[in-house]
Amino acid sequence: MNADRQKTALFAGSFDPFTIGHEAIVRRGLGIFDRIIIGIGYNENKHGTWTPDERLEAIRGLYSGEPRVNVELYTGLTVDYAVKSGARFLLRGVRGAIDFEYERNLADINRAISGIETVILISEPDMAIVSSSMVRELLHNGYDISRYVAGNFIIKSK
């Protein structure tokens, strides 16, 4: 397919860590889009639990056999990176009403400044409790997080 006509979506986040909920959104998104770019946004002044390079390596490993998924690091506004990377859509996942309101406002702003549309997928019911912040909190308190993180994501102990 002509690269200009491909339906490419940018699925962006800090992914600190990349959870089973994120993985489910990508899986479902591949049924809609020709290509998904997983954009790991990072701010050099913020220090996450996993470094940007650790996240990049782990997520790339997870999708090493899927040619329709690219994993990249970026800084700056997500919508600017979407334009730069050739994505015509932003892919987002929401767990509930609070997430939806936040994402709807972002979608309106991003469409106004770039023309890029946002496609929102509602999480599967069994994924609705899973968030990166919840996983980090469990990890920092000594709990096993392996059932909440995707595939080969690096498990760090505190």
N, C-alpha and C. Protein backbone atom coordinates (compact mmCIF):
# COMPACT_ATOMS: atom_id res chain seq x y z
N MET A 1 0.85 -1.18 0.00
CA MET A 1 0.00 0.00 0.00
C MET A 1 0.89 1.24 0.00
N ASN A 2 0.50 2.26 -0.73
CA ASN A 2 1.20 3.53 -0.78
C ASN A 2 1.31 4.10 0.63
N ALA A 3 2.52 4.46 1.04
CA ALA A 3 2.74 4.96 2.41
C ALA A 3 1.90 6.18 2.71
N ASP A 4 1.61 7.00 1.70
CA ASP A 4 0.79 8.19 1.92
C ASP A 4 -0.66 7.85 2.20
N ARG A 5 -1.12 6.69 1.78
CA ARG A 5 -2.51 6.29 1.97
C ARG A 5 -2.69 5.34 3.15
N GLN A 6 -1.57 4.92 3.74
CA GLN A 6 -1.68 4.04 4.89
C GLN A 6 -2.37 4.74 6.04
N LYS A 7 -3.15 3.98 6.76
CA LYS A 7 -3.76 4.50 7.98
C LYS A 7 -2.76 4.23 9.11
N THR A 8 -1.99 5.27 9.43
CA THR A 8 -0.99 5.17 10.47
C THR A 8 -1.45 5.94 11.69
N ALA A 9 -1.35 5.28 12.85
CA ALA A 9 -1.73 5.91 14.12
C ALA A 9 -0.51 5.99 15.02
N LEU A 10 -0.46 7.06 15.77
CA LEU A 10 0.54 7.20 16.83
C LEU A 10 -0.14 6.88 18.15
N PHE A 11 0.38 5.89 18.86
CA PHE A 11 -0.07 5.54 20.21
C PHE A 11 1.02 6.02 21.14
N ALA A 12 0.77 7.15 21.80
CA ALA A 12 1.81 7.81 22.57
C ALA A 12 1.55 7.73 24.07
N GLY A 13 2.62 7.71 24.82
CA GLY A 13 2.54 7.73 26.27
C GLY A 13 3.93 7.64 26.86
N SER A 14 3.99 7.72 28.18
CA SER A 14 5.29 7.53 28.83
C SER A 14 5.59 6.04 28.95
N PHE A 15 4.57 5.22 29.06
CA PHE A 15 4.70 3.77 29.13
C PHE A 15 5.72 3.35 30.19
N ASP A 16 5.53 3.90 31.38
CA ASP A 16 6.44 3.66 32.50
C ASP A 16 5.68 2.95 33.62
N PRO A 17 5.36 1.67 33.43
CA PRO A 17 5.73 0.72 32.38
C PRO A 17 4.63 0.54 31.33
N PHE A 18 4.95 -0.25 30.32
CA PHE A 18 4.01 -0.65 29.27
C PHE A 18 3.19 -1.80 29.85
N THR A 19 1.90 -1.55 30.06
CA THR A 19 1.06 -2.52 30.75
C THR A 19 0.30 -3.44 29.79
N ILE A 20 -0.38 -4.41 30.38
CA ILE A 20 -1.24 -5.28 29.57
C ILE A 20 -2.39 -4.50 28.95
N GLY A 21 -2.78 -3.39 29.59
CA GLY A 21 -3.80 -2.52 29.01
C GLY A 21 -3.30 -1.84 27.76
N HIS A 22 -2.05 -1.35 27.78
CA HIS A 22 -1.44 -0.74 26.59
C HIS A 22 -1.35 -1.78 25.47
N GLU A 23 -0.90 -2.97 25.83
CA GLU A 23 -0.76 -4.04 24.85
C GLU A 23 -2.11 -4.36 24.19
N ALA A 24 -3.17 -4.36 24.98
CA ALA A 24 -4.51 -4.64 24.44
C ALA A 24 -4.96 -3.55 23.46
N ILE A 25 -4.63 -2.29 23.76
CA ILE A 25 -4.99 -1.20 22.85
C ILE A 25 -4.25 -1.35 21.52
N VAL A 26 -2.97 -1.70 21.57
CA VAL A 26 -2.21 -1.91 20.33
C VAL A 26 -2.81 -3.08 19.56
N ARG A 27 -3.09 -4.19 20.22
CA ARG A 27 -3.66 -5.37 19.55
C ARG A 27 -4.96 -4.99 18.84
N ARG A 28 -5.83 -4.29 19.53
CA ARG A 28 -7.10 -3.90 18.94
C ARG A 28 -6.90 -2.85 17.85
N GLY A 29 -5.95 -1.95 18.06
CA GLY A 29 -5.66 -0.93 17.05
C GLY A 29 -5.15 -1.51 15.74
N LEU A 30 -4.45 -2.63 15.81
CA LEU A 30 -3.96 -3.26 14.58
C LEU A 30 -5.10 -3.79 13.72
N GLY A 31 -6.27 -3.95 14.29
CA GLY A 31 -7.44 -4.33 13.52
C GLY A 31 -8.06 -3.15 12.79
N ILE A 32 -7.63 -1.95 13.13
CA ILE A 32 -8.18 -0.73 12.54
C ILE A 32 -7.17 -0.05 11.61
N PHE A 33 -5.91 -0.03 12.03
CA PHE A 33 -4.88 0.73 11.32
C PHE A 33 -3.92 -0.19 10.58
N ASP A 34 -3.33 0.35 9.52
CA ASP A 34 -2.32 -0.39 8.76
C ASP A 34 -1.00 -0.45 9.52
N ARG A 35 -0.76 0.59 10.30
CA ARG A 35 0.53 0.72 10.99
C ARG A 35 0.32 1.50 12.28
N ILE A 36 1.01 1.10 13.33
CA ILE A 36 0.97 1.84 14.61
C ILE A 36 2.39 2.17 15.02
N ILE A 37 2.58 3.42 15.35
CA ILE A 37 3.84 3.88 15.93
C ILE A 37 3.59 4.02 17.43
N ILE A 38 4.33 3.28 18.22
CA ILE A 38 4.27 3.45 19.66
C ILE A 38 5.32 4.49 20.00
N GLY A 39 4.86 5.67 20.38
CA GLY A 39 5.75 6.78 20.68
C GLY A 39 5.93 6.92 22.18
N ILE A 40 7.16 6.71 22.62
CA ILE A 40 7.48 6.84 24.04
C ILE A 40 7.92 8.28 24.27
N GLY A 41 7.02 9.05 24.86
CA GLY A 41 7.33 10.44 25.13
C GLY A 41 8.16 10.54 26.40
N TYR A 42 9.16 11.39 26.36
CA TYR A 42 9.96 11.56 27.56
C TYR A 42 10.42 12.99 27.72
N ASN A 43 10.62 13.34 28.95
CA ASN A 43 11.10 14.66 29.33
C ASN A 43 12.43 14.44 30.04
N GLU A 44 13.48 15.04 29.53
CA GLU A 44 14.81 14.82 30.10
C GLU A 44 14.91 15.26 31.56
N ASN A 45 14.00 16.12 31.99
CA ASN A 45 14.03 16.60 33.38
C ASN A 45 13.27 15.70 34.34
N LYS A 46 12.53 14.73 33.81
CA LYS A 46 11.79 13.80 34.66
C LYS A 46 12.48 12.45 34.63
N HIS A 47 12.49 11.80 35.78
CA HIS A 47 13.13 10.49 35.87
C HIS A 47 12.09 9.46 36.28
N GLY A 48 11.78 8.57 35.35
CA GLY A 48 10.80 7.54 35.62
C GLY A 48 11.43 6.35 36.32
N THR A 49 10.62 5.34 36.56
CA THR A 49 11.11 4.10 37.16
C THR A 49 12.01 3.37 36.17
N TRP A 50 11.62 3.36 34.90
CA TRP A 50 12.42 2.77 33.84
C TRP A 50 12.95 3.90 32.97
N THR A 51 14.18 3.78 32.50
CA THR A 51 14.74 4.82 31.64
C THR A 51 14.04 4.75 30.28
N PRO A 52 14.09 5.84 29.51
CA PRO A 52 13.51 5.78 28.15
C PRO A 52 14.09 4.64 27.32
N ASP A 53 15.39 4.40 27.43
CA ASP A 53 16.01 3.32 26.65
C ASP A 53 15.54 1.95 27.10
N GLU A 54 15.32 1.76 28.41
CA GLU A 54 14.78 0.48 28.90
C GLU A 54 13.38 0.25 28.36
N ARG A 55 12.57 1.29 28.37
CA ARG A 55 11.21 1.17 27.84
C ARG A 55 11.24 0.86 26.35
N LEU A 56 12.08 1.58 25.62
CA LEU A 56 12.22 1.37 24.17
C LEU A 56 12.61 -0.08 23.87
N GLU A 57 13.62 -0.57 24.55
CA GLU A 57 14.10 -1.93 24.31
C GLU A 57 13.03 -2.97 24.64
N ALA A 58 12.36 -2.80 25.76
CA ALA A 58 11.35 -3.77 26.18
C ALA A 58 10.17 -3.80 25.21
N ILE A 59 9.69 -2.62 24.81
CA ILE A 59 8.52 -2.57 23.92
C ILE A 59 8.90 -3.02 22.52
N ARG A 60 10.09 -2.66 22.06
CA ARG A 60 10.54 -3.17 20.75
C ARG A 60 10.62 -4.69 20.76
N GLY A 61 11.12 -5.25 21.86
CA GLY A 61 11.20 -6.70 21.98
C GLY A 61 9.84 -7.35 21.91
N LEU A 62 8.87 -6.72 22.52
CA LEU A 62 7.50 -7.24 22.54
C LEU A 62 6.92 -7.31 21.12
N TYR A 63 7.28 -6.35 20.27
CA TYR A 63 6.71 -6.27 18.92
C TYR A 63 7.73 -6.61 17.82
N SER A 64 8.78 -7.30 18.19
CA SER A 64 9.83 -7.61 17.20
C SER A 64 9.31 -8.44 16.03
N GLY A 65 8.28 -9.22 16.23
CA GLY A 65 7.72 -10.04 15.15
C GLY A 65 6.55 -9.40 14.44
N GLU A 66 6.23 -8.15 14.76
CA GLU A 66 5.08 -7.47 14.15
C GLU A 66 5.58 -6.29 13.31
N PRO A 67 5.68 -6.48 11.99
CA PRO A 67 6.24 -5.42 11.13
C PRO A 67 5.38 -4.16 11.04
N ARG A 68 4.12 -4.24 11.47
CA ARG A 68 3.25 -3.06 11.38
C ARG A 68 3.39 -2.15 12.60
N VAL A 69 4.24 -2.53 13.56
CA VAL A 69 4.44 -1.71 14.76
C VAL A 69 5.88 -1.21 14.80
N ASN A 70 6.03 0.10 14.93
CA ASN A 70 7.33 0.72 15.16
C ASN A 70 7.31 1.33 16.55
N VAL A 71 8.44 1.29 17.23
CA VAL A 71 8.54 1.87 18.57
C VAL A 71 9.65 2.91 18.54
N GLU A 72 9.31 4.14 18.99
CA GLU A 72 10.24 5.26 18.87
C GLU A 72 10.16 6.13 20.12
N LEU A 73 11.26 6.83 20.41
CA LEU A 73 11.28 7.83 21.47
C LEU A 73 11.03 9.20 20.86
N TYR A 74 10.39 10.09 21.62
CA TYR A 74 10.22 11.46 21.14
C TYR A 74 10.11 12.42 22.32
N THR A 75 10.37 13.68 22.04
CA THR A 75 10.16 14.74 23.02
C THR A 75 9.26 15.79 22.38
N GLY A 76 8.70 16.64 23.20
CA GLY A 76 7.84 17.71 22.69
C GLY A 76 6.39 17.29 22.66
N LEU A 77 5.59 18.09 21.96
CA LEU A 77 4.16 17.82 21.88
C LEU A 77 3.88 16.57 21.05
N THR A 78 2.99 15.75 21.54
CA THR A 78 2.63 14.52 20.85
C THR A 78 2.11 14.80 19.45
N VAL A 79 1.25 15.80 19.32
CA VAL A 79 0.66 16.09 18.00
C VAL A 79 1.74 16.53 17.01
N ASP A 80 2.75 17.24 17.46
CA ASP A 80 3.86 17.62 16.57
C ASP A 80 4.63 16.39 16.11
N TYR A 81 4.83 15.45 17.03
CA TYR A 81 5.52 14.22 16.65
C TYR A 81 4.67 13.40 15.69
N ALA A 82 3.37 13.39 15.88
CA ALA A 82 2.48 12.66 14.97
C ALA A 82 2.64 13.20 13.55
N VAL A 83 2.62 14.51 13.40
CA VAL A 83 2.78 15.13 12.08
C VAL A 83 4.14 14.76 11.50
N LYS A 84 5.19 14.89 12.32
CA LYS A 84 6.55 14.60 11.87
C LYS A 84 6.70 13.14 11.44
N SER A 85 6.04 12.23 12.14
CA SER A 85 6.19 10.80 11.85
C SER A 85 5.25 10.29 10.75
N GLY A 86 4.38 11.16 10.26
CA GLY A 86 3.47 10.77 9.18
C GLY A 86 2.20 10.09 9.66
N ALA A 87 1.93 10.14 10.96
CA ALA A 87 0.70 9.53 11.47
C ALA A 87 -0.48 10.44 11.12
N ARG A 88 -1.57 9.82 10.72
CA ARG A 88 -2.79 10.58 10.40
C ARG A 88 -3.79 10.53 11.54
N PHE A 89 -3.51 9.68 12.54
CA PHE A 89 -4.41 9.51 13.67
C PHE A 89 -3.62 9.38 14.96
N LEU A 90 -4.25 9.76 16.06
CA LEU A 90 -3.73 9.45 17.38
C LEU A 90 -4.61 8.34 17.94
N LEU A 91 -4.00 7.33 18.49
CA LEU A 91 -4.72 6.22 19.11
C LEU A 91 -4.61 6.38 20.61
N ARG A 92 -5.76 6.35 21.28
CA ARG A 92 -5.78 6.51 22.73
C ARG A 92 -6.68 5.46 23.35
N GLY A 93 -6.39 5.09 24.58
CA GLY A 93 -7.22 4.18 25.32
C GLY A 93 -7.77 4.89 26.54
N VAL A 94 -8.99 4.59 26.91
CA VAL A 94 -9.58 5.17 28.12
C VAL A 94 -10.15 4.05 28.99
N ARG A 95 -10.03 4.25 30.30
CA ARG A 95 -10.54 3.26 31.26
C ARG A 95 -11.91 3.65 31.79
N GLY A 96 -12.22 4.95 31.78
CA GLY A 96 -13.49 5.38 32.36
C GLY A 96 -13.79 6.82 31.99
N ALA A 97 -14.80 7.38 32.66
CA ALA A 97 -15.30 8.72 32.33
C ALA A 97 -14.25 9.81 32.53
N ILE A 98 -13.47 9.72 33.58
CA ILE A 98 -12.45 10.75 33.83
C ILE A 98 -11.41 10.74 32.71
N ASP A 99 -10.94 9.55 32.33
CA ASP A 99 -10.01 9.45 31.20
C ASP A 99 -10.64 10.02 29.93
N PHE A 100 -11.92 9.68 29.70
CA PHE A 100 -12.58 10.12 28.48
C PHE A 100 -12.64 11.64 28.39
N GLU A 101 -13.03 12.31 29.46
CA GLU A 101 -13.11 13.78 29.44
C GLU A 101 -11.76 14.40 29.13
N TYR A 102 -10.72 13.89 29.75
CA TYR A 102 -9.37 14.39 29.51
C TYR A 102 -8.98 14.18 28.04
N GLU A 103 -9.20 12.96 27.53
CA GLU A 103 -8.82 12.64 26.15
C GLU A 103 -9.66 13.41 25.13
N ARG A 104 -10.93 13.62 25.43
CA ARG A 104 -11.78 14.39 24.51
C ARG A 104 -11.26 15.81 24.36
N ASN A 105 -10.88 16.44 25.48
CA ASN A 105 -10.34 17.80 25.41
C ASN A 105 -9.05 17.84 24.60
N LEU A 106 -8.17 16.87 24.83
CA LEU A 106 -6.93 16.80 24.04
C LEU A 106 -7.22 16.59 22.57
N ALA A 107 -8.18 15.71 22.27
CA ALA A 107 -8.54 15.44 20.87
C ALA A 107 -9.02 16.70 20.18
N ASP A 108 -9.84 17.49 20.87
CA ASP A 108 -10.35 18.74 20.29
C ASP A 108 -9.21 19.71 19.99
N ILE A 109 -8.29 19.85 20.92
CA ILE A 109 -7.15 20.76 20.72
C ILE A 109 -6.26 20.26 19.60
N ASN A 110 -5.94 18.96 19.63
CA ASN A 110 -5.05 18.41 18.60
C ASN A 110 -5.64 18.52 17.21
N ARG A 111 -6.95 18.30 17.08
CA ARG A 111 -7.60 18.45 15.77
C ARG A 111 -7.54 19.91 15.33
N ALA A 112 -7.77 20.84 16.25
CA ALA A 112 -7.76 22.26 15.90
C ALA A 112 -6.39 22.73 15.43
N ILE A 113 -5.32 22.25 16.05
CA ILE A 113 -3.99 22.76 15.69
C ILE A 113 -3.31 21.97 14.58
N SER A 114 -3.80 20.74 14.30
CA SER A 114 -3.08 19.93 13.31
C SER A 114 -3.98 19.25 12.29
N GLY A 115 -5.27 19.13 12.59
CA GLY A 115 -6.16 18.38 11.71
C GLY A 115 -6.12 16.88 11.94
N ILE A 116 -5.29 16.43 12.87
CA ILE A 116 -5.17 14.99 13.15
C ILE A 116 -6.34 14.56 14.03
N GLU A 117 -6.97 13.45 13.63
CA GLU A 117 -8.08 12.89 14.39
C GLU A 117 -7.58 11.94 15.46
N THR A 118 -8.32 11.84 16.53
CA THR A 118 -8.02 10.92 17.62
C THR A 118 -9.05 9.80 17.61
N VAL A 119 -8.59 8.58 17.70
CA VAL A 119 -9.45 7.41 17.82
C VAL A 119 -9.28 6.88 19.24
N ILE A 120 -10.39 6.83 19.97
CA ILE A 120 -10.37 6.40 21.36
C ILE A 120 -10.97 5.01 21.47
N LEU A 121 -10.22 4.10 22.06
CA LEU A 121 -10.72 2.76 22.34
C LEU A 121 -10.97 2.64 23.84
N ILE A 122 -12.12 2.11 24.18
CA ILE A 122 -12.48 1.90 25.58
C ILE A 122 -11.84 0.59 26.03
N SER A 123 -11.22 0.62 27.20
CA SER A 123 -10.53 -0.57 27.68
C SER A 123 -11.49 -1.74 27.87
N GLU A 124 -10.94 -2.90 27.72
CA GLU A 124 -11.70 -4.11 28.02
C GLU A 124 -11.95 -4.11 29.53
N PRO A 125 -13.10 -4.62 29.99
CA PRO A 125 -13.44 -4.53 31.41
C PRO A 125 -12.37 -5.05 32.37
N ASP A 126 -11.71 -6.15 32.01
CA ASP A 126 -10.69 -6.69 32.92
C ASP A 126 -9.40 -5.89 32.92
N MET A 127 -9.28 -4.91 32.03
CA MET A 127 -8.09 -4.05 31.98
C MET A 127 -8.34 -2.69 32.63
N ALA A 128 -9.57 -2.39 32.97
CA ALA A 128 -9.93 -1.05 33.44
C ALA A 128 -9.22 -0.65 34.72
N ILE A 129 -8.80 -1.60 35.53
CA ILE A 129 -8.11 -1.25 36.78
C ILE A 129 -6.62 -1.03 36.60
N VAL A 130 -6.09 -1.40 35.44
CA VAL A 130 -4.65 -1.39 35.23
C VAL A 130 -4.20 -0.02 34.72
N SER A 131 -3.29 0.59 35.46
CA SER A 131 -2.68 1.84 35.03
C SER A 131 -1.19 1.78 35.37
N SER A 132 -0.39 2.53 34.64
CA SER A 132 1.04 2.55 34.91
C SER A 132 1.32 3.05 36.32
N SER A 133 0.58 4.06 36.77
CA SER A 133 0.82 4.58 38.12
C SER A 133 0.50 3.53 39.18
N MET A 134 -0.57 2.75 38.98
CA MET A 134 -0.92 1.69 39.92
C MET A 134 0.19 0.64 39.94
N VAL A 135 0.70 0.28 38.78
CA VAL A 135 1.76 -0.72 38.69
C VAL A 135 3.02 -0.22 39.39
N ARG A 136 3.39 1.04 39.16
CA ARG A 136 4.57 1.60 39.83
C ARG A 136 4.39 1.59 41.35
N GLU A 137 3.20 1.94 41.83
CA GLU A 137 2.93 1.95 43.27
C GLU A 137 3.06 0.55 43.86
N LEU A 138 2.53 -0.44 43.17
CA LEU A 138 2.68 -1.82 43.64
C LEU A 138 4.15 -2.21 43.70
N LEU A 139 4.88 -1.90 42.64
CA LEU A 139 6.31 -2.22 42.58
C LEU A 139 7.06 -1.58 43.74
N HIS A 140 6.82 -0.29 43.96
CA HIS A 140 7.54 0.43 45.01
C HIS A 140 7.21 -0.08 46.41
N ASN A 141 6.11 -0.81 46.53
CA ASN A 141 5.73 -1.38 47.82
C ASN A 141 5.99 -2.88 47.89
N GLY A 142 6.81 -3.37 46.96
CA GLY A 142 7.28 -4.74 47.03
C GLY A 142 6.39 -5.81 46.45
N TYR A 143 5.35 -5.44 45.71
CA TYR A 143 4.45 -6.43 45.14
C TYR A 143 4.93 -6.91 43.77
N ASP A 144 4.55 -8.12 43.42
CA ASP A 144 4.84 -8.70 42.11
C ASP A 144 3.92 -8.03 41.08
N ILE A 145 4.51 -7.43 40.06
CA ILE A 145 3.72 -6.72 39.05
C ILE A 145 3.65 -7.48 37.73
N SER A 146 4.21 -8.69 37.69
CA SER A 146 4.34 -9.40 36.41
C SER A 146 3.01 -9.62 35.70
N ARG A 147 1.92 -9.76 36.41
CA ARG A 147 0.64 -10.00 35.72
C ARG A 147 0.05 -8.73 35.10
N TYR A 148 0.64 -7.57 35.42
CA TYR A 148 0.12 -6.30 34.90
C TYR A 148 0.96 -5.69 33.79
N VAL A 149 2.18 -6.18 33.61
CA VAL A 149 3.05 -5.62 32.57
C VAL A 149 3.07 -6.52 31.35
N ALA A 150 3.30 -5.92 30.20
CA ALA A 150 3.21 -6.63 28.93
C ALA A 150 4.47 -7.45 28.67
N GLY A 151 4.26 -8.66 28.22
CA GLY A 151 5.32 -9.54 27.70
C GLY A 151 6.60 -9.55 28.47
N ASN A 152 7.65 -9.10 27.81
CA ASN A 152 8.99 -9.18 28.38
C ASN A 152 9.41 -7.88 29.06
N PHE A 153 8.46 -7.09 29.51
CA PHE A 153 8.85 -5.83 30.12
C PHE A 153 9.74 -6.10 31.32
N ILE A 154 10.75 -5.31 31.44
CA ILE A 154 11.75 -5.47 32.50
C ILE A 154 11.08 -5.28 33.86
N ILE A 155 11.21 -6.27 34.73
CA ILE A 155 10.68 -6.15 36.07
C ILE A 155 11.83 -5.71 36.98
N LYS A 156 11.67 -4.55 37.59
CA LYS A 156 12.70 -4.04 38.50
C LYS A 156 12.21 -4.23 39.92
N SER A 157 13.10 -4.59 40.77
CA SER A 157 12.72 -4.63 42.18
C SER A 157 13.27 -3.37 42.84
N LYS A 158 12.61 -2.95 43.85
CA LYS A 158 13.03 -1.73 44.55
C LYS A 158 14.19 -2.03 45.44
